[in-house]
Amino acid sequence: MQISVQHSEKRVLVALGGNLPSSVGPPRATLGCALANLRSLTNTVMRKSKYFVTPCFPAGYGPDYVNAAVEFNFSGESHALLQILHDIEALFGRARESRWSGRVLDLDLLAFGDAVAPDMDGYSKWRDKPLAQQMEQAPQELILPHPRMQDRAFVLGPLMDIAPDWRHPVSGRTVREMFASLPAGDREALQPISEP
């Protein structure tokens, strides 16, 4: 059973990443084309972060990633937006073969307004899952907000560019507060890419 968060316009945060080339070129080119598709399919004005080079997570799972984030308003259902994200990933050759393997394109729905989905218990289950289990299991339902966004510099760093004052609907902490609480080494590993 799918539960969708719906209808009135919601502030949305999406993370983008990739570390393998696609048919359009290296990861940065892929992310740029994916963003163009996302703008077109959602008919929205977006705020985009800088691009960052970030170490592969977990360490040793592949080449470094290029990451970014976008913020926009969306008036449809959460599952409709998730389907758009999955369709764009497929367009660029994303194959969901193994958990946390290298990938051409990853589009993660981080937040959909203040939604907590499927409910607080379901969200907490995935947020608190040990790393070993995270690496082996993927949720079969939409979890909002993204259950590990608060732990990841490659998500929070780009969000610092566009939504530093966004407040997590469960913890109540802002992006700025979550980013500041990460280990210094994780924050310092983010390397912004200069725009051409």
N, C-alpha and C. Protein backbone atom coordinates (compact mmCIF):
# COMPACT_ATOMS: atom_id res chain seq x y z
N MET A 1 0.84 -1.18 0.00
CA MET A 1 0.00 0.00 0.00
C MET A 1 0.88 1.24 0.00
N GLN A 2 0.59 2.18 -0.89
CA GLN A 2 1.34 3.42 -0.95
C GLN A 2 0.56 4.53 -0.26
N ILE A 3 1.28 5.26 0.57
CA ILE A 3 0.70 6.44 1.20
C ILE A 3 1.35 7.65 0.56
N SER A 4 0.58 8.56 0.02
CA SER A 4 1.12 9.75 -0.61
C SER A 4 0.81 10.97 0.24
N VAL A 5 1.80 11.83 0.33
CA VAL A 5 1.61 13.14 0.94
C VAL A 5 1.18 14.03 -0.22
N GLN A 6 0.13 14.81 -0.06
CA GLN A 6 -0.44 15.40 -1.25
C GLN A 6 -0.86 16.85 -1.16
N HIS A 7 -1.17 17.29 -2.23
CA HIS A 7 -1.88 18.36 -2.87
C HIS A 7 -1.43 19.79 -2.65
N SER A 8 -1.62 20.45 -1.56
CA SER A 8 -1.22 21.85 -1.54
C SER A 8 0.27 21.94 -1.81
N GLU A 9 0.67 23.06 -2.37
CA GLU A 9 2.07 23.23 -2.78
C GLU A 9 3.01 23.03 -1.60
N LYS A 10 4.04 22.22 -1.81
CA LYS A 10 5.00 21.88 -0.75
C LYS A 10 6.40 22.34 -1.15
N ARG A 11 7.16 22.76 -0.16
CA ARG A 11 8.58 23.07 -0.36
C ARG A 11 9.31 21.73 -0.39
N VAL A 12 10.06 21.50 -1.47
CA VAL A 12 10.71 20.23 -1.70
C VAL A 12 12.21 20.41 -1.74
N LEU A 13 12.94 19.46 -1.17
CA LEU A 13 14.39 19.40 -1.26
C LEU A 13 14.78 18.09 -1.91
N VAL A 14 15.65 18.17 -2.93
CA VAL A 14 16.12 16.99 -3.64
C VAL A 14 17.64 17.04 -3.72
N ALA A 15 18.28 15.90 -3.42
CA ALA A 15 19.73 15.77 -3.55
C ALA A 15 20.04 15.05 -4.86
N LEU A 16 21.12 15.48 -5.51
CA LEU A 16 21.56 14.86 -6.75
C LEU A 16 22.99 14.39 -6.58
N GLY A 17 23.31 13.27 -7.19
CA GLY A 17 24.68 12.78 -7.13
C GLY A 17 24.94 11.76 -8.22
N GLY A 18 26.21 11.58 -8.52
CA GLY A 18 26.62 10.56 -9.47
C GLY A 18 28.13 10.46 -9.47
N ASN A 19 28.64 9.26 -9.77
CA ASN A 19 30.09 9.09 -9.84
C ASN A 19 30.54 8.27 -11.03
N LEU A 20 29.62 7.95 -11.95
CA LEU A 20 29.97 7.22 -13.16
C LEU A 20 29.49 8.02 -14.37
N PRO A 21 30.18 7.92 -15.50
CA PRO A 21 29.74 8.67 -16.69
C PRO A 21 28.45 8.09 -17.26
N SER A 22 27.69 8.96 -17.91
CA SER A 22 26.46 8.54 -18.60
C SER A 22 26.64 8.80 -20.09
N SER A 23 25.58 8.61 -20.85
CA SER A 23 25.63 8.84 -22.29
C SER A 23 25.88 10.31 -22.63
N VAL A 24 25.65 11.23 -21.68
CA VAL A 24 25.88 12.65 -21.95
C VAL A 24 27.23 13.14 -21.44
N GLY A 25 27.99 12.25 -20.77
CA GLY A 25 29.31 12.66 -20.33
C GLY A 25 29.58 12.35 -18.87
N PRO A 26 30.52 13.07 -18.27
CA PRO A 26 30.90 12.83 -16.87
C PRO A 26 29.78 13.25 -15.91
N PRO A 27 29.91 12.91 -14.63
CA PRO A 27 28.83 13.16 -13.67
C PRO A 27 28.29 14.59 -13.65
N ARG A 28 29.15 15.58 -13.75
CA ARG A 28 28.64 16.95 -13.69
C ARG A 28 27.70 17.25 -14.87
N ALA A 29 28.06 16.76 -16.05
CA ALA A 29 27.19 16.95 -17.22
C ALA A 29 25.87 16.21 -17.02
N THR A 30 25.94 15.01 -16.47
CA THR A 30 24.72 14.23 -16.21
C THR A 30 23.81 14.97 -15.25
N LEU A 31 24.38 15.51 -14.16
CA LEU A 31 23.57 16.23 -13.18
C LEU A 31 22.92 17.45 -13.82
N GLY A 32 23.65 18.16 -14.66
CA GLY A 32 23.08 19.32 -15.34
C GLY A 32 21.91 18.96 -16.23
N CYS A 33 22.05 17.87 -16.99
CA CYS A 33 20.95 17.42 -17.86
C CYS A 33 19.77 16.91 -17.04
N ALA A 34 20.07 16.21 -15.94
CA ALA A 34 18.99 15.72 -15.07
C ALA A 34 18.20 16.89 -14.49
N LEU A 35 18.89 17.96 -14.11
CA LEU A 35 18.21 19.15 -13.59
C LEU A 35 17.31 19.78 -14.65
N ALA A 36 17.79 19.83 -15.88
CA ALA A 36 16.97 20.39 -16.96
C ALA A 36 15.70 19.57 -17.14
N ASN A 37 15.83 18.24 -17.06
CA ASN A 37 14.65 17.38 -17.15
C ASN A 37 13.71 17.60 -15.98
N LEU A 38 14.26 17.74 -14.78
CA LEU A 38 13.43 17.93 -13.60
C LEU A 38 12.67 19.25 -13.68
N ARG A 39 13.33 20.30 -14.13
CA ARG A 39 12.63 21.59 -14.31
C ARG A 39 11.48 21.44 -15.30
N SER A 40 11.75 20.77 -16.40
CA SER A 40 10.74 20.61 -17.44
C SER A 40 9.55 19.78 -16.95
N LEU A 41 9.83 18.66 -16.28
CA LEU A 41 8.76 17.75 -15.87
C LEU A 41 7.95 18.27 -14.68
N THR A 42 8.53 19.15 -13.88
CA THR A 42 7.80 19.70 -12.74
C THR A 42 7.31 21.12 -13.00
N ASN A 43 7.79 21.73 -14.08
CA ASN A 43 7.40 23.10 -14.43
C ASN A 43 7.59 24.04 -13.25
N THR A 44 8.79 23.98 -12.65
CA THR A 44 9.07 24.78 -11.46
C THR A 44 10.32 25.62 -11.63
N VAL A 45 10.40 26.64 -10.83
CA VAL A 45 11.62 27.44 -10.70
C VAL A 45 12.40 26.85 -9.53
N MET A 46 13.67 26.58 -9.75
CA MET A 46 14.47 25.89 -8.73
C MET A 46 15.63 26.75 -8.27
N ARG A 47 15.98 26.56 -7.01
CA ARG A 47 17.24 27.10 -6.48
C ARG A 47 18.21 25.94 -6.43
N LYS A 48 19.37 26.08 -7.08
CA LYS A 48 20.35 25.01 -7.16
C LYS A 48 21.61 25.39 -6.40
N SER A 49 22.17 24.43 -5.70
CA SER A 49 23.43 24.64 -5.01
C SER A 49 24.59 24.61 -6.00
N LYS A 50 25.76 24.93 -5.51
CA LYS A 50 26.97 24.66 -6.27
C LYS A 50 27.11 23.15 -6.41
N TYR A 51 27.98 22.75 -7.33
CA TYR A 51 28.38 21.35 -7.40
C TYR A 51 29.54 21.13 -6.45
N PHE A 52 29.57 19.95 -5.84
CA PHE A 52 30.65 19.59 -4.93
C PHE A 52 31.22 18.24 -5.34
N VAL A 53 32.53 18.07 -5.21
CA VAL A 53 33.14 16.74 -5.28
C VAL A 53 33.17 16.22 -3.86
N THR A 54 32.69 14.99 -3.69
CA THR A 54 32.62 14.40 -2.36
C THR A 54 33.14 12.98 -2.41
N PRO A 55 33.81 12.54 -1.35
CA PRO A 55 34.31 11.16 -1.32
C PRO A 55 33.16 10.16 -1.38
N CYS A 56 33.39 9.06 -2.05
CA CYS A 56 32.38 8.01 -2.14
C CYS A 56 32.02 7.53 -0.73
N PHE A 57 30.72 7.26 -0.53
CA PHE A 57 30.25 6.73 0.76
C PHE A 57 29.50 5.45 0.50
N PRO A 58 29.82 4.39 1.24
CA PRO A 58 30.93 4.24 2.17
C PRO A 58 32.27 4.25 1.43
N ALA A 59 33.33 4.58 2.15
CA ALA A 59 34.66 4.67 1.56
C ALA A 59 35.02 3.38 0.84
N GLY A 60 35.62 3.52 -0.34
CA GLY A 60 36.07 2.36 -1.09
C GLY A 60 35.05 1.78 -2.04
N TYR A 61 33.83 2.36 -2.10
CA TYR A 61 32.78 1.81 -2.96
C TYR A 61 32.82 2.36 -4.39
N GLY A 62 33.79 3.20 -4.71
CA GLY A 62 33.88 3.70 -6.07
C GLY A 62 34.54 5.06 -6.13
N PRO A 63 34.57 5.66 -7.34
CA PRO A 63 35.17 6.98 -7.50
C PRO A 63 34.39 8.05 -6.73
N ASP A 64 35.03 9.20 -6.55
CA ASP A 64 34.37 10.32 -5.88
C ASP A 64 33.11 10.71 -6.64
N TYR A 65 32.17 11.28 -5.89
CA TYR A 65 30.90 11.74 -6.44
C TYR A 65 30.93 13.22 -6.76
N VAL A 66 30.04 13.61 -7.65
CA VAL A 66 29.65 15.01 -7.81
C VAL A 66 28.25 15.10 -7.21
N ASN A 67 28.06 16.04 -6.29
CA ASN A 67 26.77 16.20 -5.60
C ASN A 67 26.28 17.63 -5.71
N ALA A 68 24.97 17.77 -5.62
CA ALA A 68 24.32 19.08 -5.58
C ALA A 68 22.96 18.88 -4.91
N ALA A 69 22.24 19.98 -4.74
CA ALA A 69 20.88 19.93 -4.19
C ALA A 69 20.05 21.01 -4.84
N VAL A 70 18.74 20.78 -4.88
CA VAL A 70 17.82 21.78 -5.39
C VAL A 70 16.64 21.92 -4.43
N GLU A 71 16.05 23.10 -4.47
CA GLU A 71 14.85 23.40 -3.68
C GLU A 71 13.82 23.99 -4.64
N PHE A 72 12.58 23.55 -4.52
CA PHE A 72 11.50 24.10 -5.34
C PHE A 72 10.17 23.79 -4.68
N ASN A 73 9.11 24.39 -5.20
CA ASN A 73 7.75 24.13 -4.71
C ASN A 73 7.06 23.19 -5.68
N PHE A 74 6.33 22.24 -5.13
CA PHE A 74 5.66 21.21 -5.94
C PHE A 74 4.24 21.06 -5.46
N SER A 75 3.28 21.02 -6.40
CA SER A 75 1.87 20.98 -6.00
C SER A 75 1.23 19.61 -6.15
N GLY A 76 1.96 18.60 -6.62
CA GLY A 76 1.40 17.27 -6.74
C GLY A 76 1.64 16.44 -5.50
N GLU A 77 1.44 15.12 -5.62
CA GLU A 77 1.64 14.19 -4.53
C GLU A 77 3.10 13.78 -4.43
N SER A 78 3.51 13.36 -3.25
CA SER A 78 4.89 12.94 -3.04
C SER A 78 5.28 11.78 -3.93
N HIS A 79 4.39 10.80 -4.10
CA HIS A 79 4.72 9.65 -4.93
C HIS A 79 4.80 10.02 -6.41
N ALA A 80 4.07 11.03 -6.83
CA ALA A 80 4.18 11.51 -8.21
C ALA A 80 5.56 12.11 -8.44
N LEU A 81 6.04 12.89 -7.46
CA LEU A 81 7.38 13.46 -7.59
C LEU A 81 8.44 12.36 -7.53
N LEU A 82 8.28 11.40 -6.65
CA LEU A 82 9.23 10.29 -6.58
C LEU A 82 9.29 9.55 -7.91
N GLN A 83 8.15 9.36 -8.55
CA GLN A 83 8.14 8.68 -9.85
C GLN A 83 8.88 9.50 -10.90
N ILE A 84 8.71 10.81 -10.88
CA ILE A 84 9.45 11.68 -11.80
C ILE A 84 10.95 11.50 -11.58
N LEU A 85 11.38 11.48 -10.32
CA LEU A 85 12.81 11.32 -10.02
C LEU A 85 13.32 9.97 -10.54
N HIS A 86 12.56 8.91 -10.31
CA HIS A 86 12.96 7.58 -10.79
C HIS A 86 12.98 7.52 -12.32
N ASP A 87 12.03 8.18 -12.98
CA ASP A 87 12.01 8.19 -14.44
C ASP A 87 13.23 8.91 -15.00
N ILE A 88 13.63 10.00 -14.37
CA ILE A 88 14.83 10.72 -14.82
C ILE A 88 16.07 9.86 -14.60
N GLU A 89 16.17 9.20 -13.44
CA GLU A 89 17.29 8.30 -13.20
C GLU A 89 17.37 7.24 -14.30
N ALA A 90 16.24 6.64 -14.64
CA ALA A 90 16.21 5.59 -15.67
C ALA A 90 16.62 6.14 -17.03
N LEU A 91 16.22 7.36 -17.34
CA LEU A 91 16.57 8.00 -18.60
C LEU A 91 18.08 8.07 -18.79
N PHE A 92 18.80 8.25 -17.69
CA PHE A 92 20.25 8.37 -17.76
C PHE A 92 20.96 7.05 -17.46
N GLY A 93 20.21 5.96 -17.41
CA GLY A 93 20.82 4.64 -17.29
C GLY A 93 21.02 4.14 -15.88
N ARG A 94 20.34 4.73 -14.90
CA ARG A 94 20.47 4.26 -13.54
C ARG A 94 19.89 2.86 -13.42
N ALA A 95 20.68 1.93 -12.88
CA ALA A 95 20.21 0.57 -12.61
C ALA A 95 20.31 0.36 -11.11
N ARG A 96 19.22 -0.07 -10.48
CA ARG A 96 19.21 -0.29 -9.04
C ARG A 96 19.58 -1.74 -8.75
N GLU A 97 20.86 -2.06 -9.00
CA GLU A 97 21.31 -3.45 -8.88
C GLU A 97 21.79 -3.79 -7.48
N SER A 98 22.51 -2.89 -6.85
CA SER A 98 22.99 -3.17 -5.50
C SER A 98 22.99 -1.89 -4.69
N ARG A 99 22.90 -2.05 -3.39
CA ARG A 99 22.81 -0.93 -2.46
C ARG A 99 24.15 -0.22 -2.41
N TRP A 100 24.15 1.08 -2.60
CA TRP A 100 25.33 1.94 -2.47
C TRP A 100 26.45 1.59 -3.43
N SER A 101 26.13 1.04 -4.59
CA SER A 101 27.16 0.83 -5.60
C SER A 101 27.34 2.13 -6.37
N GLY A 102 28.41 2.19 -7.19
CA GLY A 102 28.59 3.36 -8.03
C GLY A 102 27.38 3.56 -8.91
N ARG A 103 27.11 4.82 -9.26
CA ARG A 103 25.92 5.06 -10.06
C ARG A 103 26.09 6.25 -10.99
N VAL A 104 25.34 6.18 -12.07
CA VAL A 104 25.32 7.25 -13.05
C VAL A 104 24.59 8.47 -12.49
N LEU A 105 23.47 8.23 -11.81
CA LEU A 105 22.64 9.32 -11.30
C LEU A 105 21.82 8.84 -10.12
N ASP A 106 21.81 9.65 -9.08
CA ASP A 106 21.00 9.37 -7.90
C ASP A 106 20.23 10.64 -7.57
N LEU A 107 18.91 10.55 -7.54
CA LEU A 107 18.04 11.68 -7.19
C LEU A 107 17.26 11.27 -5.95
N ASP A 108 17.56 11.88 -4.81
CA ASP A 108 16.92 11.53 -3.55
C ASP A 108 15.96 12.62 -3.11
N LEU A 109 14.72 12.24 -2.87
CA LEU A 109 13.74 13.15 -2.29
C LEU A 109 14.04 13.26 -0.80
N LEU A 110 14.57 14.41 -0.39
CA LEU A 110 14.99 14.62 1.00
C LEU A 110 13.85 15.06 1.89
N ALA A 111 13.03 15.96 1.38
CA ALA A 111 11.95 16.51 2.20
C ALA A 111 10.82 16.95 1.29
N PHE A 112 9.60 16.79 1.80
CA PHE A 112 8.39 17.16 1.06
C PHE A 112 7.53 17.94 2.05
N GLY A 113 7.73 19.25 2.08
CA GLY A 113 7.07 20.06 3.10
C GLY A 113 7.53 19.59 4.47
N ASP A 114 6.60 19.49 5.40
CA ASP A 114 6.90 19.01 6.74
C ASP A 114 6.49 17.55 6.92
N ALA A 115 6.31 16.84 5.82
CA ALA A 115 5.81 15.46 5.88
C ALA A 115 6.77 14.53 6.61
N VAL A 116 6.20 13.67 7.43
CA VAL A 116 6.91 12.55 8.04
C VAL A 116 6.17 11.31 7.56
N ALA A 117 6.84 10.50 6.74
CA ALA A 117 6.17 9.36 6.10
C ALA A 117 7.03 8.10 6.19
N PRO A 118 6.40 6.93 6.29
CA PRO A 118 4.96 6.73 6.24
C PRO A 118 4.26 7.20 7.51
N ASP A 119 4.99 7.20 8.63
CA ASP A 119 4.53 7.72 9.91
C ASP A 119 5.78 7.83 10.79
N MET A 120 5.62 8.29 12.03
CA MET A 120 6.79 8.49 12.88
C MET A 120 7.52 7.18 13.17
N ASP A 121 6.78 6.10 13.39
CA ASP A 121 7.42 4.81 13.67
C ASP A 121 8.23 4.32 12.46
N GLY A 122 7.63 4.41 11.28
CA GLY A 122 8.33 3.97 10.07
C GLY A 122 9.57 4.81 9.80
N TYR A 123 9.44 6.12 9.99
CA TYR A 123 10.59 7.00 9.80
C TYR A 123 11.69 6.63 10.80
N SER A 124 11.34 6.48 12.08
CA SER A 124 12.33 6.20 13.12
C SER A 124 13.03 4.87 12.89
N LYS A 125 12.29 3.89 12.40
CA LYS A 125 12.88 2.57 12.12
C LYS A 125 14.05 2.70 11.14
N TRP A 126 13.85 3.46 10.06
CA TRP A 126 14.91 3.60 9.06
C TRP A 126 15.99 4.56 9.51
N ARG A 127 15.65 5.59 10.25
CA ARG A 127 16.67 6.52 10.76
C ARG A 127 17.63 5.82 11.69
N ASP A 128 17.12 4.91 12.53
CA ASP A 128 17.92 4.29 13.57
C ASP A 128 18.54 2.95 13.16
N LYS A 129 18.34 2.52 11.93
CA LYS A 129 18.85 1.23 11.46
C LYS A 129 20.38 1.24 11.47
N PRO A 130 21.04 0.21 12.03
CA PRO A 130 22.51 0.15 12.03
C PRO A 130 23.08 0.16 10.61
N LEU A 131 24.30 0.70 10.45
CA LEU A 131 24.91 0.87 9.14
C LEU A 131 24.97 -0.45 8.37
N ALA A 132 25.31 -1.55 9.02
CA ALA A 132 25.40 -2.83 8.32
C ALA A 132 24.07 -3.20 7.69
N GLN A 133 22.96 -2.94 8.39
CA GLN A 133 21.65 -3.24 7.84
C GLN A 133 21.25 -2.25 6.75
N GLN A 134 21.67 -0.98 6.89
CA GLN A 134 21.40 0.01 5.85
C GLN A 134 22.02 -0.42 4.53
N MET A 135 23.21 -1.04 4.61
CA MET A 135 23.92 -1.43 3.40
C MET A 135 23.27 -2.63 2.71
N GLU A 136 22.46 -3.38 3.43
CA GLU A 136 21.85 -4.59 2.86
C GLU A 136 20.38 -4.42 2.53
N GLN A 137 19.71 -3.45 3.15
CA GLN A 137 18.27 -3.32 3.01
C GLN A 137 17.90 -1.94 2.47
N ALA A 138 16.90 -1.93 1.62
CA ALA A 138 16.35 -0.67 1.11
C ALA A 138 14.87 -0.62 1.46
N PRO A 139 14.36 0.53 1.86
CA PRO A 139 12.93 0.61 2.18
C PRO A 139 12.08 0.35 0.94
N GLN A 140 10.95 -0.27 1.14
CA GLN A 140 10.01 -0.55 0.06
C GLN A 140 8.92 0.52 -0.02
N GLU A 141 9.04 1.53 0.82
CA GLU A 141 8.07 2.63 0.84
C GLU A 141 8.83 3.94 0.96
N LEU A 142 8.16 5.02 0.65
CA LEU A 142 8.77 6.34 0.74
C LEU A 142 8.95 6.73 2.20
N ILE A 143 10.19 7.08 2.56
CA ILE A 143 10.51 7.53 3.92
C ILE A 143 10.83 9.02 3.84
N LEU A 144 10.09 9.82 4.60
CA LEU A 144 10.30 11.27 4.62
C LEU A 144 10.34 11.77 6.04
N PRO A 145 11.23 12.74 6.33
CA PRO A 145 12.32 13.18 5.48
C PRO A 145 13.34 12.05 5.31
N HIS A 146 14.30 12.25 4.41
CA HIS A 146 15.29 11.20 4.18
C HIS A 146 15.90 10.81 5.52
N PRO A 147 15.88 9.51 5.86
CA PRO A 147 16.24 9.12 7.23
C PRO A 147 17.69 9.31 7.64
N ARG A 148 18.58 9.55 6.67
CA ARG A 148 19.98 9.73 7.04
C ARG A 148 20.56 11.06 6.58
N MET A 149 19.70 11.98 6.16
CA MET A 149 20.22 13.25 5.66
C MET A 149 21.05 13.99 6.71
N GLN A 150 20.69 13.87 7.98
CA GLN A 150 21.38 14.59 9.05
C GLN A 150 22.80 14.06 9.29
N ASP A 151 23.13 12.90 8.72
CA ASP A 151 24.44 12.28 8.93
C ASP A 151 25.40 12.51 7.78
N ARG A 152 24.96 13.14 6.71
CA ARG A 152 25.73 13.14 5.46
C ARG A 152 26.14 14.54 5.03
N ALA A 153 27.45 14.76 5.04
CA ALA A 153 27.97 16.04 4.58
C ALA A 153 27.67 16.28 3.11
N PHE A 154 27.65 15.21 2.31
CA PHE A 154 27.41 15.39 0.87
C PHE A 154 25.97 15.78 0.58
N VAL A 155 25.08 15.67 1.55
CA VAL A 155 23.71 16.18 1.44
C VAL A 155 23.61 17.56 2.07
N LEU A 156 24.10 17.69 3.29
CA LEU A 156 23.96 18.95 4.03
C LEU A 156 24.81 20.07 3.45
N GLY A 157 26.00 19.75 2.93
CA GLY A 157 26.86 20.78 2.34
C GLY A 157 26.16 21.52 1.21
N PRO A 158 25.64 20.80 0.20
CA PRO A 158 24.88 21.50 -0.85
C PRO A 158 23.65 22.22 -0.32
N LEU A 159 22.96 21.64 0.67
CA LEU A 159 21.80 22.32 1.23
C LEU A 159 22.18 23.63 1.93
N MET A 160 23.39 23.70 2.45
CA MET A 160 23.86 24.95 3.07
C MET A 160 23.82 26.11 2.07
N ASP A 161 24.00 25.80 0.78
CA ASP A 161 23.97 26.83 -0.26
C ASP A 161 22.58 27.39 -0.48
N ILE A 162 21.56 26.55 -0.34
CA ILE A 162 20.23 26.96 -0.80
C ILE A 162 19.16 26.99 0.29
N ALA A 163 19.38 26.26 1.39
CA ALA A 163 18.33 26.18 2.42
C ALA A 163 18.93 26.01 3.81
N PRO A 164 19.87 26.87 4.21
CA PRO A 164 20.53 26.67 5.51
C PRO A 164 19.59 26.77 6.70
N ASP A 165 18.47 27.45 6.53
CA ASP A 165 17.53 27.63 7.64
C ASP A 165 16.34 26.67 7.59
N TRP A 166 16.34 25.74 6.61
CA TRP A 166 15.29 24.72 6.58
C TRP A 166 15.37 23.92 7.87
N ARG A 167 14.21 23.66 8.45
CA ARG A 167 14.15 22.99 9.75
C ARG A 167 13.60 21.58 9.59
N HIS A 168 14.34 20.60 10.11
CA HIS A 168 13.95 19.20 10.04
C HIS A 168 12.64 19.00 10.82
N PRO A 169 11.62 18.39 10.20
CA PRO A 169 10.32 18.30 10.88
C PRO A 169 10.29 17.35 12.08
N VAL A 170 11.30 16.50 12.23
CA VAL A 170 11.34 15.60 13.39
C VAL A 170 12.27 16.13 14.47
N SER A 171 13.52 16.44 14.11
CA SER A 171 14.49 16.88 15.12
C SER A 171 14.34 18.35 15.48
N GLY A 172 13.75 19.14 14.57
CA GLY A 172 13.64 20.57 14.79
C GLY A 172 14.92 21.33 14.51
N ARG A 173 15.97 20.65 14.07
CA ARG A 173 17.26 21.29 13.81
C ARG A 173 17.30 21.83 12.38
N THR A 174 18.00 22.95 12.21
CA THR A 174 18.16 23.53 10.88
C THR A 174 19.30 22.81 10.15
N VAL A 175 19.33 23.00 8.83
CA VAL A 175 20.45 22.47 8.03
C VAL A 175 21.76 23.01 8.60
N ARG A 176 21.79 24.29 8.94
CA ARG A 176 23.00 24.90 9.48
C ARG A 176 23.46 24.18 10.76
N GLU A 177 22.52 23.87 11.64
CA GLU A 177 22.86 23.19 12.89
C GLU A 177 23.31 21.75 12.64
N MET A 178 22.63 21.06 11.74
CA MET A 178 23.01 19.68 11.44
C MET A 178 24.39 19.62 10.79
N PHE A 179 24.66 20.55 9.87
CA PHE A 179 25.97 20.58 9.20
C PHE A 179 27.08 20.88 10.19
N ALA A 180 26.84 21.83 11.09
CA ALA A 180 27.86 22.20 12.08
C ALA A 180 28.17 21.05 13.03
N SER A 181 27.22 20.14 13.24
CA SER A 181 27.45 19.04 14.18
C SER A 181 28.16 17.84 13.55
N LEU A 182 28.38 17.87 12.24
CA LEU A 182 29.11 16.78 11.59
C LEU A 182 30.58 16.84 11.96
N PRO A 183 31.28 15.71 11.89
CA PRO A 183 32.73 15.73 12.13
C PRO A 183 33.42 16.70 11.17
N ALA A 184 34.42 17.40 11.67
CA ALA A 184 35.13 18.40 10.86
C ALA A 184 35.69 17.78 9.59
N GLY A 185 36.19 16.56 9.68
CA GLY A 185 36.76 15.90 8.49
C GLY A 185 35.73 15.69 7.40
N ASP A 186 34.49 15.37 7.78
CA ASP A 186 33.42 15.19 6.79
C ASP A 186 33.10 16.51 6.10
N ARG A 187 33.02 17.59 6.89
CA ARG A 187 32.72 18.91 6.30
C ARG A 187 33.84 19.35 5.37
N GLU A 188 35.08 19.13 5.81
CA GLU A 188 36.23 19.58 5.02
C GLU A 188 36.44 18.77 3.75
N ALA A 189 35.89 17.56 3.71
CA ALA A 189 36.05 16.71 2.52
C ALA A 189 35.25 17.21 1.33
N LEU A 190 34.26 18.06 1.58
CA LEU A 190 33.46 18.63 0.48
C LEU A 190 34.30 19.65 -0.26
N GLN A 191 34.42 19.49 -1.56
CA GLN A 191 35.19 20.43 -2.37
C GLN A 191 34.29 21.05 -3.43
N PRO A 192 33.96 22.35 -3.29
CA PRO A 192 33.12 22.97 -4.31
C PRO A 192 33.83 23.00 -5.66
N ILE A 193 33.06 22.82 -6.71
CA ILE A 193 33.58 22.89 -8.08
C ILE A 193 33.28 24.29 -8.59
N SER A 194 34.30 24.96 -9.11
CA SER A 194 34.06 26.32 -9.62
C SER A 194 33.21 26.24 -10.89
N GLU A 195 32.30 27.18 -11.03
CA GLU A 195 31.43 27.22 -12.21
C GLU A 195 32.26 27.67 -13.41
N PRO A 196 31.95 27.13 -14.61
CA PRO A 196 32.72 27.49 -15.80
C PRO A 196 32.51 28.94 -16.19
